[in-house]
Amino acid sequence: MKNGTTTILNVVLGICLVLAIIFFLQTYFLSAEVRALNGQISGINGWRQALQSLAADCAEYSKKNPAINPILEPVIGKQPGTK
């Protein structure tokens, strides 16, 4: 009886060990992918902030110098306050 119980427990331990290795490898590779995607997201957010700043600067400049409006209209549409 003791030999049969030991065998069953060893099989269960082996299955748990294999599953632990599989879960570790999944976590390792997925975390590497997440780190790579976070780098891409940071780059995209940087570009977005730069473009928003440029758009705000253009809108502010168009208030002082309306001659730029024909250039900006195709890109950002009708300027507020113009007819």
Protein backbone atom coordinates (compact mmCIF):
# COMPACT_ATOMS: atom_id res chain seq x y z
CA MET A 1 0.00 0.00 0.00
CA LYS A 2 2.78 2.40 0.88
CA ASN A 3 4.55 1.78 -2.43
CA GLY A 4 1.35 2.53 -4.43
CA THR A 5 0.72 5.77 -2.52
CA THR A 6 4.30 6.90 -3.07
CA THR A 7 4.02 6.22 -6.79
CA ILE A 8 0.78 8.19 -7.06
CA LEU A 9 2.27 11.10 -5.12
CA ASN A 10 5.39 11.06 -7.32
CA VAL A 11 3.23 11.15 -10.46
CA VAL A 12 1.19 14.07 -9.08
CA LEU A 13 4.42 15.86 -8.13
CA GLY A 14 5.80 15.30 -11.65
CA ILE A 15 2.63 16.68 -13.25
CA CYS A 16 2.76 19.72 -10.98
CA LEU A 17 6.41 20.27 -11.89
CA VAL A 18 5.71 20.09 -15.63
CA LEU A 19 2.78 22.48 -15.28
CA ALA A 20 4.89 24.90 -13.22
CA ILE A 21 7.56 24.94 -15.94
CA ILE A 22 4.95 25.53 -18.65
CA PHE A 23 3.36 28.40 -16.71
CA PHE A 24 6.77 29.94 -16.00
CA LEU A 25 7.71 29.88 -19.68
CA GLN A 26 4.38 31.42 -20.69
CA THR A 27 4.81 34.20 -18.13
CA TYR A 28 8.41 34.84 -19.18
CA PHE A 29 7.65 35.17 -22.89
CA LEU A 30 4.45 37.17 -22.40
CA SER A 31 6.19 39.63 -20.08
CA ALA A 32 8.91 40.15 -22.70
CA GLU A 33 6.22 40.90 -25.27
CA VAL A 34 4.53 43.35 -22.88
CA ARG A 35 7.83 45.16 -22.33
CA ALA A 36 8.33 45.49 -26.09
CA LEU A 37 4.79 46.80 -26.57
CA ASN A 38 5.26 49.31 -23.73
CA GLY A 39 8.26 50.72 -25.58
CA GLN A 40 6.18 51.14 -28.73
CA ILE A 41 3.38 52.79 -26.75
CA SER A 42 5.82 55.27 -25.24
CA GLY A 43 7.08 56.19 -28.70
CA ILE A 44 3.56 56.62 -30.05
CA ASN A 45 2.55 58.78 -27.08
CA GLY A 46 5.61 60.97 -27.65
CA TRP A 47 4.65 61.53 -31.28
CA ARG A 48 1.05 62.23 -30.32
CA GLN A 49 2.09 64.84 -27.78
CA ALA A 50 4.41 66.49 -30.31
CA LEU A 51 1.63 66.64 -32.93
CA GLN A 52 -0.87 68.02 -30.42
CA SER A 53 1.63 70.69 -29.44
CA LEU A 54 2.23 71.54 -33.09
CA ALA A 55 -1.52 71.78 -33.75
CA ALA A 56 -2.00 74.04 -30.72
CA ASP A 57 0.90 76.24 -31.85
CA CYS A 58 -0.56 76.50 -35.36
CA ALA A 59 -3.99 77.42 -33.99
CA GLU A 60 -2.43 80.07 -31.74
CA TYR A 61 -0.34 81.43 -34.62
CA SER A 62 -3.40 81.63 -36.85
CA LYS A 63 -5.04 83.97 -34.32
CA LYS A 64 -2.15 86.41 -34.69
CA ASN A 65 -1.55 85.88 -38.41
CA PRO A 66 -4.71 84.81 -40.28
CA ALA A 67 -2.78 84.51 -43.56
CA ILE A 68 -1.88 80.92 -42.55
CA ASN A 69 -5.54 79.84 -42.40
CA PRO A 70 -5.74 78.74 -46.08
CA ILE A 71 -2.84 76.39 -45.40
CA LEU A 72 -4.34 75.03 -42.17
CA GLU A 73 -7.94 74.57 -43.36
CA PRO A 74 -7.37 71.33 -45.31
CA VAL A 75 -5.59 69.83 -42.32
CA ILE A 76 -7.66 70.94 -39.31
CA GLY A 77 -10.85 72.24 -40.91
CA LYS A 78 -12.53 75.59 -40.53
CA GLN A 79 -11.02 77.80 -37.84
CA PRO A 80 -13.42 78.78 -35.07
CA GLY A 81 -14.54 82.37 -35.36
CA THR A 82 -14.13 82.52 -39.15
CA LYS A 83 -16.91 82.61 -41.68
